[in-house]
Amino acid sequence: MIESLDTIAGLSRDLLWISFVVFLRVGAMMSLMPGFGEQSVPQRIRLVLAFGFTLIVIPALITEIPAQTSLQPLDILRIMFVEVLAGLALGIAVRLFVLALQTSAAIAAQSTSLSQVFGGVGVDPQPAIGSILLVSGLAIAVMSGLHLQAVKLILLSYQIMPSGAFPVASDLSAWGLEQVTHAFALAFTLAAPFVIASLIYNVALGVINKAMPQLMVAFVGAPAITAGGMMLMVIAIPIMLSIWVDDLGKFFLTPFGGL
């Protein structure tokens, strides 16, 4: 009986260690995950979500985590640091898509004088259509299976960044730079209709002002660009969100690229 209890205690200790190590990566990732890690979500809910995702992925990762009995104190500290680093890298990579959405909203707002329309809805100050794009994009992403994609990303990450093994700095920095570059390129692509409309508006306003210097074009043009921006917003937002969601899905298909 004592031997059986000893075996059970050993298994419980190993399971708690594995759960703790997995939770470090999952918790760090969930703190930045779109939808689940938003500041508007209460901290207790975020903690429960992190525990839930940990319980989901633990059965598939039992063989990926080194046993605690074979580790020295420095090895344990190294594993803890690497797990948090890997989780933050994953969370930031996905979070960049939210940054792209917010940046595109800021560009569109400044281009069409919608900076103060519908602003201040979220926790963070959102210019113009930022809150609309953010809430709509997150809702569509969650309905499209963001939680399932997050689980797949966590499981795949252990093949690219094993537990306790420091990722190669050059590879990780190149991958991060690629994600940042892609995020800003996506932001400009989404805001392109508003930038083009603003360019056409300013060129037309300059021509009118040159032809009729006595006309106060600012009083005529300001309501026109605001009304045109709102009409363009109604037309463009569904297309912008569909492009954004498709791009997010492509990221989850090959999240690490050539890493």
C-alpha atoms as a PDB file:
ATOM      1  CA  MET A   1       0.000   0.000   0.000  1.00  0.00           C
ATOM      2  CA  ILE A   2       2.828   2.406   0.871  1.00  0.00           C
ATOM      3  CA  GLU A   3       4.473   1.720  -2.481  1.00  0.00           C
ATOM      4  CA  SER A   4       1.180   2.420  -4.258  1.00  0.00           C
ATOM      5  CA  LEU A   5       0.746   5.687  -2.383  1.00  0.00           C
ATOM      6  CA  ASP A   6       4.345   6.570  -3.226  1.00  0.00           C
ATOM      7  CA  THR A   7       3.666   5.935  -6.903  1.00  0.00           C
ATOM      8  CA  ILE A   8       0.467   7.998  -6.817  1.00  0.00           C
ATOM      9  CA  ALA A   9       2.267  10.851  -5.055  1.00  0.00           C
ATOM     10  CA  GLY A  10       5.028  10.781  -7.672  1.00  0.00           C
ATOM     11  CA  LEU A  11       2.517  10.846 -10.519  1.00  0.00           C
ATOM     12  CA  SER A  12       0.612  13.696  -8.885  1.00  0.00           C
ATOM     13  CA  ARG A  13       3.816  15.671  -8.416  1.00  0.00           C
ATOM     14  CA  ASP A  14       4.806  15.157 -12.050  1.00  0.00           C
ATOM     15  CA  LEU A  15       1.325  16.124 -13.240  1.00  0.00           C
ATOM     16  CA  LEU A  16       1.359  19.301 -11.153  1.00  0.00           C
ATOM     17  CA  TRP A  17       4.781  20.199 -12.558  1.00  0.00           C
ATOM     18  CA  ILE A  18       3.634  19.631 -16.142  1.00  0.00           C
ATOM     19  CA  SER A  19       0.474  21.659 -15.514  1.00  0.00           C
ATOM     20  CA  PHE A  20       2.493  24.514 -14.027  1.00  0.00           C
ATOM     21  CA  VAL A  21       4.946  24.598 -16.947  1.00  0.00           C
ATOM     22  CA  VAL A  22       2.169  24.518 -19.545  1.00  0.00           C
ATOM     23  CA  PHE A  23       0.236  27.181 -17.665  1.00  0.00           C
ATOM     24  CA  LEU A  24       3.216  29.542 -17.853  1.00  0.00           C
ATOM     25  CA  ARG A  25       3.177  29.464 -21.651  1.00  0.00           C
ATOM     26  CA  VAL A  26      -0.598  29.437 -21.982  1.00  0.00           C
ATOM     27  CA  GLY A  27      -1.092  32.192 -19.405  1.00  0.00           C
ATOM     28  CA  ALA A  28       1.471  34.471 -21.040  1.00  0.00           C
ATOM     29  CA  MET A  29      -0.115  33.897 -24.441  1.00  0.00           C
ATOM     30  CA  MET A  30      -3.683  34.381 -23.184  1.00  0.00           C
ATOM     31  CA  SER A  31      -2.774  37.701 -21.547  1.00  0.00           C
ATOM     32  CA  LEU A  32      -2.227  39.124 -25.050  1.00  0.00           C
ATOM     33  CA  MET A  33      -4.655  36.977 -27.046  1.00  0.00           C
ATOM     34  CA  PRO A  34      -7.287  38.968 -28.965  1.00  0.00           C
ATOM     35  CA  GLY A  35     -10.760  38.523 -27.550  1.00  0.00           C
ATOM     36  CA  PHE A  36      -9.667  36.553 -24.488  1.00  0.00           C
ATOM     37  CA  GLY A  37      -6.983  38.910 -23.207  1.00  0.00           C
ATOM     38  CA  GLU A  38      -8.718  42.239 -23.703  1.00  0.00           C
ATOM     39  CA  GLN A  39      -8.550  44.768 -20.874  1.00  0.00           C
ATOM     40  CA  SER A  40     -12.335  44.923 -20.868  1.00  0.00           C
ATOM     41  CA  VAL A  41     -12.469  41.238 -19.863  1.00  0.00           C
ATOM     42  CA  PRO A  42     -12.311  40.876 -16.040  1.00  0.00           C
ATOM     43  CA  GLN A  43      -9.074  39.428 -14.670  1.00  0.00           C
ATOM     44  CA  ARG A  44     -10.859  36.505 -13.044  1.00  0.00           C
ATOM     45  CA  ILE A  45     -12.405  35.534 -16.370  1.00  0.00           C
ATOM     46  CA  ARG A  46      -9.016  35.729 -18.072  1.00  0.00           C
ATOM     47  CA  LEU A  47      -7.507  33.536 -15.349  1.00  0.00           C
ATOM     48  CA  VAL A  48     -10.266  30.960 -15.740  1.00  0.00           C
ATOM     49  CA  LEU A  49      -9.768  30.976 -19.517  1.00  0.00           C
ATOM     50  CA  ALA A  50      -6.033  30.392 -19.050  1.00  0.00           C
ATOM     51  CA  PHE A  51      -6.743  27.458 -16.729  1.00  0.00           C
ATOM     52  CA  GLY A  52      -9.265  26.085 -19.210  1.00  0.00           C
ATOM     53  CA  PHE A  53      -6.860  26.203 -22.147  1.00  0.00           C
ATOM     54  CA  THR A  54      -4.174  24.629 -19.964  1.00  0.00           C
ATOM     55  CA  LEU A  55      -6.428  21.683 -19.104  1.00  0.00           C
ATOM     56  CA  ILE A  56      -7.252  21.216 -22.792  1.00  0.00           C
ATOM     57  CA  VAL A  57      -3.657  21.019 -24.022  1.00  0.00           C
ATOM     58  CA  ILE A  58      -2.062  19.135 -21.099  1.00  0.00           C
ATOM     59  CA  PRO A  59      -2.960  15.599 -22.347  1.00  0.00           C
ATOM     60  CA  ALA A  60      -1.128  16.209 -25.614  1.00  0.00           C
ATOM     61  CA  LEU A  61       1.966  17.675 -23.951  1.00  0.00           C
ATOM     62  CA  ILE A  62       2.768  15.168 -21.210  1.00  0.00           C
ATOM     63  CA  THR A  63       5.693  13.755 -23.186  1.00  0.00           C
ATOM     64  CA  GLU A  64       6.964  17.220 -24.200  1.00  0.00           C
ATOM     65  CA  ILE A  65       7.757  18.453 -20.679  1.00  0.00           C
ATOM     66  CA  PRO A  66      10.900  17.136 -18.944  1.00  0.00           C
ATOM     67  CA  ALA A  67      10.280  15.459 -15.573  1.00  0.00           C
ATOM     68  CA  GLN A  68      10.996  17.588 -12.522  1.00  0.00           C
ATOM     69  CA  THR A  69      12.993  14.845 -10.788  1.00  0.00           C
ATOM     70  CA  SER A  70      15.743  15.053 -13.394  1.00  0.00           C
ATOM     71  CA  LEU A  71      16.108  18.838 -13.193  1.00  0.00           C
ATOM     72  CA  GLN A  72      18.409  21.083 -11.216  1.00  0.00           C
ATOM     73  CA  PRO A  73      17.169  24.397  -9.722  1.00  0.00           C
ATOM     74  CA  LEU A  74      18.816  26.358 -12.545  1.00  0.00           C
ATOM     75  CA  ASP A  75      17.126  24.091 -15.090  1.00  0.00           C
ATOM     76  CA  ILE A  76      13.758  24.804 -13.489  1.00  0.00           C
ATOM     77  CA  LEU A  77      14.364  28.563 -13.655  1.00  0.00           C
ATOM     78  CA  ARG A  78      15.446  28.260 -17.281  1.00  0.00           C
ATOM     79  CA  ILE A  79      12.312  26.306 -18.207  1.00  0.00           C
ATOM     80  CA  MET A  80      10.091  28.860 -16.469  1.00  0.00           C
ATOM     81  CA  PHE A  81      11.781  31.749 -18.285  1.00  0.00           C
ATOM     82  CA  VAL A  82      11.618  30.035 -21.679  1.00  0.00           C
ATOM     83  CA  GLU A  83       7.939  29.147 -21.255  1.00  0.00           C
ATOM     84  CA  VAL A  84       6.968  32.722 -20.429  1.00  0.00           C
ATOM     85  CA  LEU A  85       9.092  34.011 -23.325  1.00  0.00           C
ATOM     86  CA  ALA A  86       7.483  31.576 -25.768  1.00  0.00           C
ATOM     87  CA  GLY A  87       3.983  32.470 -24.563  1.00  0.00           C
ATOM     88  CA  LEU A  88       4.630  36.193 -24.926  1.00  0.00           C
ATOM     89  CA  ALA A  89       6.041  35.683 -28.434  1.00  0.00           C
ATOM     90  CA  LEU A  90       2.927  33.776 -29.480  1.00  0.00           C
ATOM     91  CA  GLY A  91       0.582  36.298 -27.903  1.00  0.00           C
ATOM     92  CA  ILE A  92       2.333  39.278 -29.490  1.00  0.00           C
ATOM     93  CA  ALA A  93       2.279  37.609 -32.913  1.00  0.00           C
ATOM     94  CA  VAL A  94      -1.507  37.236 -32.761  1.00  0.00           C
ATOM     95  CA  ARG A  95      -1.963  40.608 -31.078  1.00  0.00           C
ATOM     96  CA  LEU A  96      -0.329  42.311 -34.027  1.00  0.00           C
ATOM     97  CA  PHE A  97      -3.469  41.586 -36.048  1.00  0.00           C
ATOM     98  CA  VAL A  98      -5.451  43.721 -33.599  1.00  0.00           C
ATOM     99  CA  LEU A  99      -2.774  46.396 -33.936  1.00  0.00           C
ATOM    100  CA  ALA A 100      -3.203  46.227 -37.711  1.00  0.00           C
ATOM    101  CA  LEU A 101      -6.943  46.736 -37.342  1.00  0.00           C
ATOM    102  CA  GLN A 102      -6.468  49.698 -34.993  1.00  0.00           C
ATOM    103  CA  THR A 103      -3.778  51.253 -37.209  1.00  0.00           C
ATOM    104  CA  SER A 104      -5.970  50.961 -40.289  1.00  0.00           C
ATOM    105  CA  ALA A 105      -8.795  52.633 -38.364  1.00  0.00           C
ATOM    106  CA  ALA A 106      -6.482  55.479 -37.340  1.00  0.00           C
ATOM    107  CA  ILE A 107      -5.341  55.994 -40.939  1.00  0.00           C
ATOM    108  CA  ALA A 108      -8.920  55.946 -42.185  1.00  0.00           C
ATOM    109  CA  ALA A 109     -10.003  58.362 -39.458  1.00  0.00           C
ATOM    110  CA  GLN A 110      -7.305  60.907 -40.196  1.00  0.00           C
ATOM    111  CA  SER A 111      -7.956  60.640 -43.926  1.00  0.00           C
ATOM    112  CA  THR A 112     -11.679  61.305 -43.754  1.00  0.00           C
ATOM    113  CA  SER A 113     -12.063  63.577 -40.697  1.00  0.00           C
ATOM    114  CA  LEU A 114     -13.783  60.900 -38.609  1.00  0.00           C
ATOM    115  CA  SER A 115     -11.369  61.118 -35.694  1.00  0.00           C
ATOM    116  CA  GLN A 116     -14.016  62.071 -33.152  1.00  0.00           C
ATOM    117  CA  VAL A 117     -16.936  60.043 -34.485  1.00  0.00           C
ATOM    118  CA  PHE A 118     -17.872  56.985 -32.414  1.00  0.00           C
ATOM    119  CA  GLY A 119     -14.695  57.425 -30.357  1.00  0.00           C
ATOM    120  CA  GLY A 120     -14.088  56.411 -26.742  1.00  0.00           C
ATOM    121  CA  VAL A 121     -16.177  53.231 -26.673  1.00  0.00           C
ATOM    122  CA  GLY A 122     -13.379  50.831 -25.681  1.00  0.00           C
ATOM    123  CA  VAL A 123     -10.937  50.840 -22.777  1.00  0.00           C
ATOM    124  CA  ASP A 124      -8.197  52.302 -24.975  1.00  0.00           C
ATOM    125  CA  PRO A 125      -8.895  55.577 -26.801  1.00  0.00           C
ATOM    126  CA  GLN A 126     -10.018  54.615 -30.287  1.00  0.00           C
ATOM    127  CA  PRO A 127     -10.020  57.203 -33.074  1.00  0.00           C
ATOM    128  CA  ALA A 128     -13.063  57.275 -35.283  1.00  0.00           C
ATOM    129  CA  ILE A 129     -14.060  53.842 -36.517  1.00  0.00           C
ATOM    130  CA  GLY A 130     -11.478  52.030 -34.396  1.00  0.00           C
ATOM    131  CA  SER A 131     -13.955  50.781 -31.813  1.00  0.00           C
ATOM    132  CA  ILE A 132     -16.364  49.568 -34.488  1.00  0.00           C
ATOM    133  CA  LEU A 133     -13.642  47.681 -36.361  1.00  0.00           C
ATOM    134  CA  LEU A 134     -12.147  46.241 -33.175  1.00  0.00           C
ATOM    135  CA  VAL A 135     -15.376  44.941 -31.677  1.00  0.00           C
ATOM    136  CA  SER A 136     -16.632  43.623 -35.015  1.00  0.00           C
ATOM    137  CA  GLY A 137     -13.317  41.976 -35.881  1.00  0.00           C
ATOM    138  CA  LEU A 138     -12.980  40.268 -32.502  1.00  0.00           C
ATOM    139  CA  ALA A 139     -16.579  39.035 -32.642  1.00  0.00           C
ATOM    140  CA  ILE A 140     -16.091  37.541 -36.112  1.00  0.00           C
ATOM    141  CA  ALA A 141     -12.749  35.985 -35.109  1.00  0.00           C
ATOM    142  CA  VAL A 142     -14.235  34.307 -32.031  1.00  0.00           C
ATOM    143  CA  MET A 143     -17.230  33.052 -34.011  1.00  0.00           C
ATOM    144  CA  SER A 144     -14.816  31.701 -36.646  1.00  0.00           C
ATOM    145  CA  GLY A 145     -13.145  29.423 -34.093  1.00  0.00           C
ATOM    146  CA  LEU A 146     -10.402  31.565 -32.570  1.00  0.00           C
ATOM    147  CA  HIS A 147     -10.322  29.316 -29.478  1.00  0.00           C
ATOM    148  CA  LEU A 148      -9.641  26.224 -31.590  1.00  0.00           C
ATOM    149  CA  GLN A 149      -6.924  28.003 -33.546  1.00  0.00           C
ATOM    150  CA  ALA A 150      -5.343  29.105 -30.270  1.00  0.00           C
ATOM    151  CA  VAL A 151      -5.193  25.501 -29.046  1.00  0.00           C
ATOM    152  CA  LYS A 152      -3.570  24.395 -32.307  1.00  0.00           C
ATOM    153  CA  LEU A 153      -1.057  27.237 -32.053  1.00  0.00           C
ATOM    154  CA  ILE A 154      -0.092  26.221 -28.510  1.00  0.00           C
ATOM    155  CA  LEU A 155       0.393  22.585 -29.498  1.00  0.00           C
ATOM    156  CA  LEU A 156       2.408  23.501 -32.590  1.00  0.00           C
ATOM    157  CA  SER A 157       4.594  25.883 -30.624  1.00  0.00           C
ATOM    158  CA  TYR A 158       6.101  22.990 -28.652  1.00  0.00           C
ATOM    159  CA  GLN A 159       7.455  21.549 -31.889  1.00  0.00           C
ATOM    160  CA  ILE A 160       9.092  24.845 -32.871  1.00  0.00           C
ATOM    161  CA  MET A 161      10.024  26.059 -29.355  1.00  0.00           C
ATOM    162  CA  PRO A 162      10.441  22.986 -27.118  1.00  0.00           C
ATOM    163  CA  SER A 163      10.053  23.356 -23.382  1.00  0.00           C
ATOM    164  CA  GLY A 164      13.284  24.494 -21.748  1.00  0.00           C
ATOM    165  CA  ALA A 165      15.155  25.098 -25.021  1.00  0.00           C
ATOM    166  CA  PHE A 166      16.033  28.704 -25.780  1.00  0.00           C
ATOM    167  CA  PRO A 167      14.880  29.680 -29.271  1.00  0.00           C
ATOM    168  CA  VAL A 168      17.593  30.845 -31.645  1.00  0.00           C
ATOM    169  CA  ALA A 169      17.696  34.615 -31.262  1.00  0.00           C
ATOM    170  CA  SER A 170      18.308  35.331 -34.948  1.00  0.00           C
ATOM    171  CA  ASP A 171      15.406  33.135 -36.049  1.00  0.00           C
ATOM    172  CA  LEU A 172      13.045  34.543 -33.427  1.00  0.00           C
ATOM    173  CA  SER A 173      13.942  38.154 -34.281  1.00  0.00           C
ATOM    174  CA  ALA A 174      13.542  37.508 -38.018  1.00  0.00           C
ATOM    175  CA  TRP A 175      10.154  35.893 -37.411  1.00  0.00           C
ATOM    176  CA  GLY A 176       9.057  38.786 -35.191  1.00  0.00           C
ATOM    177  CA  LEU A 177      10.196  41.370 -37.722  1.00  0.00           C
ATOM    178  CA  GLU A 178       8.258  39.555 -40.427  1.00  0.00           C
ATOM    179  CA  GLN A 179       5.095  39.638 -38.305  1.00  0.00           C
ATOM    180  CA  VAL A 180       5.459  43.360 -37.560  1.00  0.00           C
ATOM    181  CA  THR A 181       6.083  44.172 -41.239  1.00  0.00           C
ATOM    182  CA  HIS A 182       3.070  42.135 -42.274  1.00  0.00           C
ATOM    183  CA  ALA A 183       0.878  43.840 -39.662  1.00  0.00           C
ATOM    184  CA  PHE A 184       1.643  47.348 -40.941  1.00  0.00           C
ATOM    185  CA  ALA A 185       1.282  46.255 -44.565  1.00  0.00           C
ATOM    186  CA  LEU A 186      -2.110  44.784 -43.705  1.00  0.00           C
ATOM    187  CA  ALA A 187      -3.117  47.989 -41.906  1.00  0.00           C
ATOM    188  CA  PHE A 188      -2.345  50.147 -44.944  1.00  0.00           C
ATOM    189  CA  THR A 189      -4.108  47.688 -47.245  1.00  0.00           C
ATOM    190  CA  LEU A 190      -7.269  47.852 -45.140  1.00  0.00           C
ATOM    191  CA  ALA A 191      -7.203  51.647 -45.012  1.00  0.00           C
ATOM    192  CA  ALA A 192      -6.423  52.075 -48.730  1.00  0.00           C
ATOM    193  CA  PRO A 193     -10.013  53.003 -49.789  1.00  0.00           C
ATOM    194  CA  PHE A 194     -10.080  55.872 -47.287  1.00  0.00           C
ATOM    195  CA  VAL A 195      -6.624  57.091 -48.306  1.00  0.00           C
ATOM    196  CA  ILE A 196      -7.619  57.069 -51.991  1.00  0.00           C
ATOM    197  CA  ALA A 197     -10.874  58.877 -51.221  1.00  0.00           C
ATOM    198  CA  SER A 198      -8.986  61.492 -49.208  1.00  0.00           C
ATOM    199  CA  LEU A 199      -6.508  62.007 -52.056  1.00  0.00           C
ATOM    200  CA  ILE A 200      -9.311  62.503 -54.587  1.00  0.00           C
ATOM    201  CA  TYR A 201     -11.111  64.878 -52.202  1.00  0.00           C
ATOM    202  CA  ASN A 202      -8.052  67.049 -51.584  1.00  0.00           C
ATOM    203  CA  VAL A 203      -7.167  67.217 -55.274  1.00  0.00           C
ATOM    204  CA  ALA A 204     -10.735  68.202 -56.165  1.00  0.00           C
ATOM    205  CA  LEU A 205     -10.787  70.765 -53.361  1.00  0.00           C
ATOM    206  CA  GLY A 206      -7.545  72.290 -54.648  1.00  0.00           C
ATOM    207  CA  VAL A 207      -8.910  72.536 -58.190  1.00  0.00           C
ATOM    208  CA  ILE A 208     -12.123  74.187 -56.963  1.00  0.00           C
ATOM    209  CA  ASN A 209     -10.192  76.618 -54.789  1.00  0.00           C
ATOM    210  CA  LYS A 210      -7.964  77.532 -57.738  1.00  0.00           C
ATOM    211  CA  ALA A 211     -10.943  78.055 -60.034  1.00  0.00           C
ATOM    212  CA  MET A 212     -13.037  79.980 -57.483  1.00  0.00           C
ATOM    213  CA  PRO A 213     -10.741  81.726 -54.981  1.00  0.00           C
ATOM    214  CA  GLN A 214     -13.638  83.661 -53.451  1.00  0.00           C
ATOM    215  CA  LEU A 215     -15.442  80.443 -52.430  1.00  0.00           C
ATOM    216  CA  MET A 216     -14.779  79.252 -48.865  1.00  0.00           C
ATOM    217  CA  VAL A 217     -14.058  75.661 -49.856  1.00  0.00           C
ATOM    218  CA  ALA A 218     -13.347  74.620 -46.263  1.00  0.00           C
ATOM    219  CA  PHE A 219     -16.975  75.222 -45.256  1.00  0.00           C
ATOM    220  CA  VAL A 220     -18.189  73.197 -48.218  1.00  0.00           C
ATOM    221  CA  GLY A 221     -15.533  70.490 -48.112  1.00  0.00           C
ATOM    222  CA  ALA A 222     -15.590  69.609 -44.398  1.00  0.00           C
ATOM    223  CA  PRO A 223     -19.207  68.331 -44.362  1.00  0.00           C
ATOM    224  CA  ALA A 224     -18.648  66.636 -47.718  1.00  0.00           C
ATOM    225  CA  ILE A 225     -15.605  64.619 -46.595  1.00  0.00           C
ATOM    226  CA  THR A 226     -17.319  63.654 -43.336  1.00  0.00           C
ATOM    227  CA  ALA A 227     -20.473  62.486 -45.093  1.00  0.00           C
ATOM    228  CA  GLY A 228     -18.454  60.738 -47.782  1.00  0.00           C
ATOM    229  CA  GLY A 229     -16.288  59.073 -45.149  1.00  0.00           C
ATOM    230  CA  MET A 230     -19.326  57.713 -43.313  1.00  0.00           C
ATOM    231  CA  MET A 231     -20.850  56.392 -46.532  1.00  0.00           C
ATOM    232  CA  LEU A 232     -17.529  54.827 -47.494  1.00  0.00           C
ATOM    233  CA  MET A 233     -17.305  53.339 -44.022  1.00  0.00           C
ATOM    234  CA  VAL A 234     -20.634  51.564 -44.479  1.00  0.00           C
ATOM    235  CA  ILE A 235     -19.462  50.084 -47.768  1.00  0.00           C
ATOM    236  CA  ALA A 236     -15.838  49.301 -46.868  1.00  0.00           C
ATOM    237  CA  ILE A 237     -16.036  47.926 -43.321  1.00  0.00           C
ATOM    238  CA  PRO A 238     -17.527  44.511 -44.304  1.00  0.00           C
ATOM    239  CA  ILE A 239     -14.823  44.092 -46.946  1.00  0.00           C
ATOM    240  CA  MET A 240     -12.098  45.186 -44.531  1.00  0.00           C
ATOM    241  CA  LEU A 241     -13.260  42.720 -41.890  1.00  0.00           C
ATOM    242  CA  SER A 242     -13.445  39.834 -44.371  1.00  0.00           C
ATOM    243  CA  ILE A 243      -9.884  40.542 -45.543  1.00  0.00           C
ATOM    244  CA  TRP A 244      -8.683  40.790 -41.944  1.00  0.00           C
ATOM    245  CA  VAL A 245     -10.313  37.524 -40.862  1.00  0.00           C
ATOM    246  CA  ASP A 246      -8.956  35.700 -43.926  1.00  0.00           C
ATOM    247  CA  ASP A 247      -5.470  36.983 -43.172  1.00  0.00           C
ATOM    248  CA  LEU A 248      -5.777  35.896 -39.542  1.00  0.00           C
ATOM    249  CA  GLY A 249      -6.815  32.432 -40.705  1.00  0.00           C
ATOM    250  CA  LYS A 250      -3.801  32.234 -43.029  1.00  0.00           C
ATOM    251  CA  PHE A 251      -1.542  33.070 -40.101  1.00  0.00           C
ATOM    252  CA  PHE A 252      -2.935  30.211 -38.041  1.00  0.00           C
ATOM    253  CA  LEU A 253      -2.379  27.814 -40.965  1.00  0.00           C
ATOM    254  CA  THR A 254       1.377  28.578 -41.051  1.00  0.00           C
ATOM    255  CA  PRO A 255       2.069  30.619 -37.902  1.00  0.00           C
ATOM    256  CA  PHE A 256       5.828  30.144 -37.871  1.00  0.00           C
ATOM    257  CA  GLY A 257       6.552  30.316 -41.579  1.00  0.00           C
ATOM    258  CA  GLY A 258      10.157  29.278 -42.104  1.00  0.00           C
ATOM    259  CA  LEU A 259      11.085  29.433 -38.412  1.00  0.00           C
END
